Amino acid sequence: MFPYDLTLLAAMQSSPQSISDVVQILEAIASTCTDGDGLKWFNWLYLQVTQAVETRVNTNGFGDSSWIAALDVQFASFYFAAINSSLSGNSTPGCWRAVFAQRNQPAIARIQFALAGMNAHINHDLPQAIVATCKSTGIPAQHGTTQFNDYAALNATLDSLIDSARKTLRVRLLGDALPPVSALDDTLAAWSVTAAREAAWNNAELLWHLADAPPIASAFLDTLDGLTAVASKTLLIPVA
């Protein structure tokens, strides 16, 4: 879709082992994508989020900073895998296909791409990343733990970054002004990162309890992907 897609694909071939590695890959994506690529604007927001998490981890600002760091790496790996599969022509989750399919559409606003990416990444990828991190650390996915409290403590930071992005990215993909009033405002107002992250943790707990029932877990993830894809498509309706 873009002449530099092979460069993006090459950047996806390394597996991050630390938050620093994640930041490095996100910066490579940022330096490669042009303003006319919707992927740039989700990546722009995600990079800010990751840098905020890295700063807090490095200052030991969590009850279990190593667990949050491990989650950050697991989580980012799903995003990188989606880029890799999409650009390789392989099977890609529907929620991510909805984003990648529209990434060159200039009528869509930058904030729409940013939030559609967040929607796909949080609602679909995050529950799986939580479960993978819990398995690797031997810590159950459940409310009331130090790990959940650390996870929830990030909501205020994410809310602040997304509120800022709603203002900064409220232009069309190529920077053209949007109508002063449009249905987009209602759509954006309806999407909440705090609600999405709470739902993601609840779904992670469900997947954790379905560990011994892989067919049911797989069916649940298929349904989750379908619902998340619908939300991504809604977020990406061009602004009239």
C-alpha atoms as a PDB file:
ATOM      1  CA  MET A   1       0.000   0.000   0.000  1.00  0.00           C
ATOM      2  CA  PHE A   2       2.959   2.301   0.702  1.00  0.00           C
ATOM      3  CA  PRO A   3       6.373   2.142  -0.996  1.00  0.00           C
ATOM      4  CA  TYR A   4       8.119   1.763   2.364  1.00  0.00           C
ATOM      5  CA  ASP A   5       6.086  -1.233   3.566  1.00  0.00           C
ATOM      6  CA  LEU A   6       9.058  -3.555   3.070  1.00  0.00           C
ATOM      7  CA  THR A   7      11.066  -1.311   5.376  1.00  0.00           C
ATOM      8  CA  LEU A   8       8.321  -1.591   7.997  1.00  0.00           C
ATOM      9  CA  LEU A   9       8.244  -5.342   7.532  1.00  0.00           C
ATOM     10  CA  ALA A  10      11.991  -5.571   8.096  1.00  0.00           C
ATOM     11  CA  ALA A  11      11.624  -3.656  11.365  1.00  0.00           C
ATOM     12  CA  MET A  12       9.158  -6.285  12.590  1.00  0.00           C
ATOM     13  CA  GLN A  13      11.633  -9.151  12.337  1.00  0.00           C
ATOM     14  CA  SER A  14      13.283  -8.516  15.709  1.00  0.00           C
ATOM     15  CA  SER A  15      11.593  -9.707  18.891  1.00  0.00           C
ATOM     16  CA  PRO A  16      11.653  -7.089  21.678  1.00  0.00           C
ATOM     17  CA  GLN A  17      13.048  -8.258  25.004  1.00  0.00           C
ATOM     18  CA  SER A  18      12.636  -5.021  26.954  1.00  0.00           C
ATOM     19  CA  ILE A  19      10.625  -1.812  26.918  1.00  0.00           C
ATOM     20  CA  SER A  20      13.672  -0.112  25.434  1.00  0.00           C
ATOM     21  CA  ASP A  21      13.504  -2.557  22.516  1.00  0.00           C
ATOM     22  CA  VAL A  22       9.796  -1.782  22.088  1.00  0.00           C
ATOM     23  CA  VAL A  23      10.509   1.956  22.011  1.00  0.00           C
ATOM     24  CA  GLN A  24      13.232   1.407  19.418  1.00  0.00           C
ATOM     25  CA  ILE A  25      10.847  -0.452  17.078  1.00  0.00           C
ATOM     26  CA  LEU A  26       8.099   2.125  17.579  1.00  0.00           C
ATOM     27  CA  GLU A  27      10.588   4.873  16.740  1.00  0.00           C
ATOM     28  CA  ALA A  28      11.595   2.986  13.588  1.00  0.00           C
ATOM     29  CA  ILE A  29       7.935   2.873  12.532  1.00  0.00           C
ATOM     30  CA  ALA A  30       7.552   6.572  13.342  1.00  0.00           C
ATOM     31  CA  SER A  31      10.569   7.546  11.248  1.00  0.00           C
ATOM     32  CA  THR A  32       9.381   5.430   8.308  1.00  0.00           C
ATOM     33  CA  CYS A  33       5.702   6.350   8.035  1.00  0.00           C
ATOM     34  CA  THR A  34       4.598   9.537   6.281  1.00  0.00           C
ATOM     35  CA  ASP A  35       1.833  11.855   7.480  1.00  0.00           C
ATOM     36  CA  GLY A  36      -0.517  10.316   4.909  1.00  0.00           C
ATOM     37  CA  ASP A  37      -0.308   6.904   6.572  1.00  0.00           C
ATOM     38  CA  GLY A  38      -2.934   6.313   9.249  1.00  0.00           C
ATOM     39  CA  LEU A  39      -0.636   3.829  10.967  1.00  0.00           C
ATOM     40  CA  LYS A  40       1.667   6.722  11.846  1.00  0.00           C
ATOM     41  CA  TRP A  41      -0.925   8.307  14.127  1.00  0.00           C
ATOM     42  CA  PHE A  42      -1.736   5.239  16.170  1.00  0.00           C
ATOM     43  CA  ASN A  43       1.979   4.545  16.444  1.00  0.00           C
ATOM     44  CA  TRP A  44       2.553   8.197  17.497  1.00  0.00           C
ATOM     45  CA  LEU A  45       0.150   7.786  20.417  1.00  0.00           C
ATOM     46  CA  TYR A  46       1.360   4.302  21.326  1.00  0.00           C
ATOM     47  CA  LEU A  47       4.964   5.513  21.443  1.00  0.00           C
ATOM     48  CA  GLN A  48       4.010   8.217  23.948  1.00  0.00           C
ATOM     49  CA  VAL A  49       2.190   5.663  26.092  1.00  0.00           C
ATOM     50  CA  THR A  50       5.149   3.283  26.019  1.00  0.00           C
ATOM     51  CA  GLN A  51       7.620   6.018  26.914  1.00  0.00           C
ATOM     52  CA  ALA A  52       5.440   7.010  29.870  1.00  0.00           C
ATOM     53  CA  VAL A  53       5.370   3.393  31.073  1.00  0.00           C
ATOM     54  CA  GLU A  54       9.135   3.077  30.606  1.00  0.00           C
ATOM     55  CA  THR A  55       9.781   6.207  32.689  1.00  0.00           C
ATOM     56  CA  ARG A  56       7.632   4.905  35.523  1.00  0.00           C
ATOM     57  CA  VAL A  57       9.194   1.434  35.398  1.00  0.00           C
ATOM     58  CA  ASN A  58      12.701   2.904  35.455  1.00  0.00           C
ATOM     59  CA  THR A  59      11.860   4.887  38.587  1.00  0.00           C
ATOM     60  CA  ASN A  60      10.306   1.801  40.208  1.00  0.00           C
ATOM     61  CA  GLY A  61       6.942   3.524  40.218  1.00  0.00           C
ATOM     62  CA  PHE A  62       4.893   0.337  40.475  1.00  0.00           C
ATOM     63  CA  GLY A  63       4.339  -2.267  43.147  1.00  0.00           C
ATOM     64  CA  ASP A  64       5.711  -4.858  40.709  1.00  0.00           C
ATOM     65  CA  SER A  65       7.573  -2.944  38.027  1.00  0.00           C
ATOM     66  CA  SER A  66       9.082  -6.080  36.491  1.00  0.00           C
ATOM     67  CA  TRP A  67       5.599  -7.478  35.840  1.00  0.00           C
ATOM     68  CA  ILE A  68       4.445  -4.261  34.157  1.00  0.00           C
ATOM     69  CA  ALA A  69       7.613  -4.275  32.036  1.00  0.00           C
ATOM     70  CA  ALA A  70       6.961  -7.865  30.980  1.00  0.00           C
ATOM     71  CA  LEU A  71       3.357  -6.999  30.100  1.00  0.00           C
ATOM     72  CA  ASP A  72       4.493  -4.009  28.051  1.00  0.00           C
ATOM     73  CA  VAL A  73       6.754  -6.222  25.928  1.00  0.00           C
ATOM     74  CA  GLN A  74       4.115  -8.946  25.494  1.00  0.00           C
ATOM     75  CA  PHE A  75       1.515  -6.349  24.582  1.00  0.00           C
ATOM     76  CA  ALA A  76       3.656  -4.609  21.963  1.00  0.00           C
ATOM     77  CA  SER A  77       4.497  -7.944  20.383  1.00  0.00           C
ATOM     78  CA  PHE A  78       0.855  -8.363  19.332  1.00  0.00           C
ATOM     79  CA  TYR A  79       0.944  -5.015  17.503  1.00  0.00           C
ATOM     80  CA  PHE A  80       4.188  -5.888  15.761  1.00  0.00           C
ATOM     81  CA  ALA A  81       2.810  -9.317  14.838  1.00  0.00           C
ATOM     82  CA  ALA A  82      -0.275  -7.678  13.303  1.00  0.00           C
ATOM     83  CA  ILE A  83       1.895  -5.404  11.148  1.00  0.00           C
ATOM     84  CA  ASN A  84       4.059  -8.361  10.167  1.00  0.00           C
ATOM     85  CA  SER A  85       1.133 -10.590   9.186  1.00  0.00           C
ATOM     86  CA  SER A  86      -0.680  -7.812   7.334  1.00  0.00           C
ATOM     87  CA  LEU A  87       2.327  -6.725   5.272  1.00  0.00           C
ATOM     88  CA  SER A  88       3.262 -10.363   4.609  1.00  0.00           C
ATOM     89  CA  GLY A  89      -0.215 -11.159   3.307  1.00  0.00           C
ATOM     90  CA  ASN A  90      -0.884 -13.631   6.110  1.00  0.00           C
ATOM     91  CA  SER A  91      -3.938 -14.058   8.316  1.00  0.00           C
ATOM     92  CA  THR A  92      -4.443 -10.947  10.444  1.00  0.00           C
ATOM     93  CA  PRO A  93      -7.079 -10.294  13.153  1.00  0.00           C
ATOM     94  CA  GLY A  94     -10.127  -8.565  11.687  1.00  0.00           C
ATOM     95  CA  CYS A  95      -9.843  -5.642  14.107  1.00  0.00           C
ATOM     96  CA  TRP A  96      -6.375  -4.868  12.735  1.00  0.00           C
ATOM     97  CA  ARG A  97      -7.373  -5.496   9.113  1.00  0.00           C
ATOM     98  CA  ALA A  98      -9.986  -2.767   9.562  1.00  0.00           C
ATOM     99  CA  VAL A  99      -7.216  -0.310  10.478  1.00  0.00           C
ATOM    100  CA  PHE A 100      -4.667  -1.377   7.859  1.00  0.00           C
ATOM    101  CA  ALA A 101      -7.242  -1.374   5.061  1.00  0.00           C
ATOM    102  CA  GLN A 102      -7.981   2.326   5.613  1.00  0.00           C
ATOM    103  CA  ARG A 103      -4.520   3.654   6.370  1.00  0.00           C
ATOM    104  CA  ASN A 104      -4.283   5.665   3.114  1.00  0.00           C
ATOM    105  CA  GLN A 105      -7.715   7.309   3.221  1.00  0.00           C
ATOM    106  CA  PRO A 106      -7.267  11.114   3.480  1.00  0.00           C
ATOM    107  CA  ALA A 107     -10.884  11.821   4.468  1.00  0.00           C
ATOM    108  CA  ILE A 108     -10.340  10.114   7.828  1.00  0.00           C
ATOM    109  CA  ALA A 109      -8.981  12.090  10.774  1.00  0.00           C
ATOM    110  CA  ARG A 110      -5.696  11.300  12.473  1.00  0.00           C
ATOM    111  CA  ILE A 111      -7.440  10.854  15.825  1.00  0.00           C
ATOM    112  CA  GLN A 112      -9.705   8.244  14.249  1.00  0.00           C
ATOM    113  CA  PHE A 113      -6.691   6.125  13.318  1.00  0.00           C
ATOM    114  CA  ALA A 114      -5.149   6.660  16.745  1.00  0.00           C
ATOM    115  CA  LEU A 115      -8.262   5.476  18.568  1.00  0.00           C
ATOM    116  CA  ALA A 116      -9.093   2.684  16.111  1.00  0.00           C
ATOM    117  CA  GLY A 117      -5.606   1.316  16.738  1.00  0.00           C
ATOM    118  CA  MET A 118      -6.057   1.663  20.481  1.00  0.00           C
ATOM    119  CA  ASN A 119      -9.392  -0.112  20.188  1.00  0.00           C
ATOM    120  CA  ALA A 120      -7.854  -3.070  18.338  1.00  0.00           C
ATOM    121  CA  HIS A 121      -4.807  -3.227  20.569  1.00  0.00           C
ATOM    122  CA  ILE A 122      -6.602  -2.937  23.910  1.00  0.00           C
ATOM    123  CA  ASN A 123      -9.818  -4.839  23.294  1.00  0.00           C
ATOM    124  CA  HIS A 124      -8.315  -7.684  21.273  1.00  0.00           C
ATOM    125  CA  ASP A 125      -4.595  -7.896  22.082  1.00  0.00           C
ATOM    126  CA  LEU A 126      -4.408  -6.823  25.710  1.00  0.00           C
ATOM    127  CA  PRO A 127      -6.392  -9.721  27.255  1.00  0.00           C
ATOM    128  CA  GLN A 128      -4.068 -12.163  25.512  1.00  0.00           C
ATOM    129  CA  ALA A 129      -0.983 -10.226  26.568  1.00  0.00           C
ATOM    130  CA  ILE A 130      -2.151 -10.234  30.199  1.00  0.00           C
ATOM    131  CA  VAL A 131      -2.677 -13.999  30.142  1.00  0.00           C
ATOM    132  CA  ALA A 132       0.721 -14.596  28.500  1.00  0.00           C
ATOM    133  CA  THR A 133       2.424 -12.425  31.120  1.00  0.00           C
ATOM    134  CA  CYS A 134       0.597 -14.159  33.967  1.00  0.00           C
ATOM    135  CA  LYS A 135       1.635 -17.554  32.624  1.00  0.00           C
ATOM    136  CA  SER A 136       5.274 -16.543  32.244  1.00  0.00           C
ATOM    137  CA  THR A 137       5.426 -15.077  35.754  1.00  0.00           C
ATOM    138  CA  GLY A 138       3.222 -17.648  37.487  1.00  0.00           C
ATOM    139  CA  ILE A 139       0.855 -14.975  38.767  1.00  0.00           C
ATOM    140  CA  PRO A 140      -2.907 -15.530  38.300  1.00  0.00           C
ATOM    141  CA  ALA A 141      -4.963 -12.975  36.385  1.00  0.00           C
ATOM    142  CA  GLN A 142      -7.311 -11.587  39.000  1.00  0.00           C
ATOM    143  CA  HIS A 143      -8.568  -8.348  40.468  1.00  0.00           C
ATOM    144  CA  GLY A 144      -7.170  -7.148  43.774  1.00  0.00           C
ATOM    145  CA  THR A 145      -3.582  -8.225  43.141  1.00  0.00           C
ATOM    146  CA  THR A 146      -0.571  -5.925  43.106  1.00  0.00           C
ATOM    147  CA  GLN A 147      -0.333  -6.542  39.371  1.00  0.00           C
ATOM    148  CA  PHE A 148      -3.931  -5.478  38.731  1.00  0.00           C
ATOM    149  CA  ASN A 149      -3.506  -2.395  40.902  1.00  0.00           C
ATOM    150  CA  ASP A 150      -0.398  -1.411  38.926  1.00  0.00           C
ATOM    151  CA  TYR A 151      -2.283  -2.017  35.694  1.00  0.00           C
ATOM    152  CA  ALA A 152      -5.213   0.161  36.789  1.00  0.00           C
ATOM    153  CA  ALA A 153      -2.859   2.876  38.040  1.00  0.00           C
ATOM    154  CA  LEU A 154      -1.887   3.575  34.428  1.00  0.00           C
ATOM    155  CA  ASN A 155      -5.407   4.668  33.502  1.00  0.00           C
ATOM    156  CA  ALA A 156      -4.918   8.286  34.565  1.00  0.00           C
ATOM    157  CA  THR A 157      -1.761   8.583  32.435  1.00  0.00           C
ATOM    158  CA  LEU A 158      -3.480   7.045  29.421  1.00  0.00           C
ATOM    159  CA  ASP A 159      -6.536   9.261  29.836  1.00  0.00           C
ATOM    160  CA  SER A 160      -4.315  12.340  29.863  1.00  0.00           C
ATOM    161  CA  LEU A 161      -2.377  11.295  26.754  1.00  0.00           C
ATOM    162  CA  ILE A 162      -5.543  10.445  24.834  1.00  0.00           C
ATOM    163  CA  ASP A 163      -7.266  13.689  25.838  1.00  0.00           C
ATOM    164  CA  SER A 164      -4.264  15.568  24.486  1.00  0.00           C
ATOM    165  CA  ALA A 165      -4.320  13.493  21.285  1.00  0.00           C
ATOM    166  CA  ARG A 166      -8.009  14.280  20.755  1.00  0.00           C
ATOM    167  CA  LYS A 167      -6.996  17.940  20.411  1.00  0.00           C
ATOM    168  CA  THR A 168      -3.663  17.541  18.610  1.00  0.00           C
ATOM    169  CA  LEU A 169      -4.877  15.003  16.036  1.00  0.00           C
ATOM    170  CA  ARG A 170      -8.250  16.545  15.257  1.00  0.00           C
ATOM    171  CA  VAL A 171      -7.405  17.110  11.575  1.00  0.00           C
ATOM    172  CA  ARG A 172      -7.748  14.932   8.506  1.00  0.00           C
ATOM    173  CA  LEU A 173      -4.978  12.497   7.650  1.00  0.00           C
ATOM    174  CA  LEU A 174      -3.049  15.036   5.546  1.00  0.00           C
ATOM    175  CA  GLY A 175      -3.633  17.873   8.001  1.00  0.00           C
ATOM    176  CA  ASP A 176      -6.748  19.416   6.445  1.00  0.00           C
ATOM    177  CA  ALA A 177      -9.216  20.998   8.856  1.00  0.00           C
ATOM    178  CA  LEU A 178     -12.304  19.077   9.959  1.00  0.00           C
ATOM    179  CA  PRO A 179     -15.816  20.560  10.164  1.00  0.00           C
ATOM    180  CA  PRO A 180     -16.227  22.447  13.483  1.00  0.00           C
ATOM    181  CA  VAL A 181     -19.125  20.161  14.418  1.00  0.00           C
ATOM    182  CA  SER A 182     -19.599  16.601  13.169  1.00  0.00           C
ATOM    183  CA  ALA A 183     -20.743  13.143  14.208  1.00  0.00           C
ATOM    184  CA  LEU A 184     -17.085  12.354  14.861  1.00  0.00           C
ATOM    185  CA  ASP A 185     -17.260  14.162  18.196  1.00  0.00           C
ATOM    186  CA  ASP A 186     -19.963  11.808  19.455  1.00  0.00           C
ATOM    187  CA  THR A 187     -18.056   8.765  18.216  1.00  0.00           C
ATOM    188  CA  LEU A 188     -14.830   9.816  19.902  1.00  0.00           C
ATOM    189  CA  ALA A 189     -16.584  10.761  23.119  1.00  0.00           C
ATOM    190  CA  ALA A 190     -18.134   7.303  23.330  1.00  0.00           C
ATOM    191  CA  TRP A 191     -14.735   5.544  23.392  1.00  0.00           C
ATOM    192  CA  SER A 192     -13.121   5.292  26.822  1.00  0.00           C
ATOM    193  CA  VAL A 193      -9.648   3.876  27.402  1.00  0.00           C
ATOM    194  CA  THR A 194     -10.431   3.190  31.077  1.00  0.00           C
ATOM    195  CA  ALA A 195     -13.542   1.188  30.189  1.00  0.00           C
ATOM    196  CA  ALA A 196     -11.666  -0.659  27.442  1.00  0.00           C
ATOM    197  CA  ARG A 197      -8.813  -1.606  29.806  1.00  0.00           C
ATOM    198  CA  GLU A 198     -11.241  -2.808  32.499  1.00  0.00           C
ATOM    199  CA  ALA A 199     -13.006  -4.963  29.902  1.00  0.00           C
ATOM    200  CA  ALA A 200      -9.626  -6.260  28.729  1.00  0.00           C
ATOM    201  CA  TRP A 201      -8.693  -7.371  32.245  1.00  0.00           C
ATOM    202  CA  ASN A 202     -12.087  -9.036  32.725  1.00  0.00           C
ATOM    203  CA  ASN A 203     -11.616 -10.888  29.448  1.00  0.00           C
ATOM    204  CA  ALA A 204      -8.126 -11.908  30.515  1.00  0.00           C
ATOM    205  CA  GLU A 205      -9.548 -13.448  33.678  1.00  0.00           C
ATOM    206  CA  LEU A 206     -12.050 -15.354  31.559  1.00  0.00           C
ATOM    207  CA  LEU A 207      -9.305 -16.621  29.248  1.00  0.00           C
ATOM    208  CA  TRP A 208      -7.230 -17.569  32.288  1.00  0.00           C
ATOM    209  CA  HIS A 209     -10.060 -19.798  33.518  1.00  0.00           C
ATOM    210  CA  LEU A 210     -10.489 -21.257  30.028  1.00  0.00           C
ATOM    211  CA  ALA A 211      -6.900 -22.493  29.901  1.00  0.00           C
ATOM    212  CA  ASP A 212      -8.096 -26.104  30.026  1.00  0.00           C
ATOM    213  CA  ALA A 213     -10.715 -25.551  27.315  1.00  0.00           C
ATOM    214  CA  PRO A 214      -8.783 -24.363  24.231  1.00  0.00           C
ATOM    215  CA  PRO A 215     -11.709 -24.718  21.763  1.00  0.00           C
ATOM    216  CA  ILE A 216     -13.909 -22.489  23.931  1.00  0.00           C
ATOM    217  CA  ALA A 217     -11.094 -19.976  24.418  1.00  0.00           C
ATOM    218  CA  SER A 218     -10.489 -19.890  20.666  1.00  0.00           C
ATOM    219  CA  ALA A 219     -14.187 -19.343  19.945  1.00  0.00           C
ATOM    220  CA  PHE A 220     -14.270 -16.552  22.507  1.00  0.00           C
ATOM    221  CA  LEU A 221     -11.284 -14.825  20.885  1.00  0.00           C
ATOM    222  CA  ASP A 222     -12.928 -15.096  17.464  1.00  0.00           C
ATOM    223  CA  THR A 223     -16.041 -13.418  18.843  1.00  0.00           C
ATOM    224  CA  LEU A 224     -13.947 -10.757  20.577  1.00  0.00           C
ATOM    225  CA  ASP A 225     -12.101 -10.040  17.354  1.00  0.00           C
ATOM    226  CA  GLY A 226     -15.381  -9.669  15.466  1.00  0.00           C
ATOM    227  CA  LEU A 227     -16.822  -7.234  17.986  1.00  0.00           C
ATOM    228  CA  THR A 228     -13.601  -5.244  18.129  1.00  0.00           C
ATOM    229  CA  ALA A 229     -13.486  -5.072  14.313  1.00  0.00           C
ATOM    230  CA  VAL A 230     -16.973  -3.577  14.255  1.00  0.00           C
ATOM    231  CA  ALA A 231     -15.855  -0.896  16.720  1.00  0.00           C
ATOM    232  CA  SER A 232     -12.715  -0.156  14.662  1.00  0.00           C
ATOM    233  CA  LYS A 233     -14.783   0.240  11.496  1.00  0.00           C
ATOM    234  CA  THR A 234     -17.163   2.584  13.321  1.00  0.00           C
ATOM    235  CA  LEU A 235     -14.263   4.704  14.551  1.00  0.00           C
ATOM    236  CA  LEU A 236     -12.949   4.935  10.983  1.00  0.00           C
ATOM    237  CA  ILE A 237     -16.081   6.183   9.213  1.00  0.00           C
ATOM    238  CA  PRO A 238     -14.898   9.176   7.109  1.00  0.00           C
ATOM    239  CA  VAL A 239     -15.902  12.595   8.393  1.00  0.00           C
ATOM    240  CA  ALA A 240     -18.410  14.338   6.131  1.00  0.00           C
END
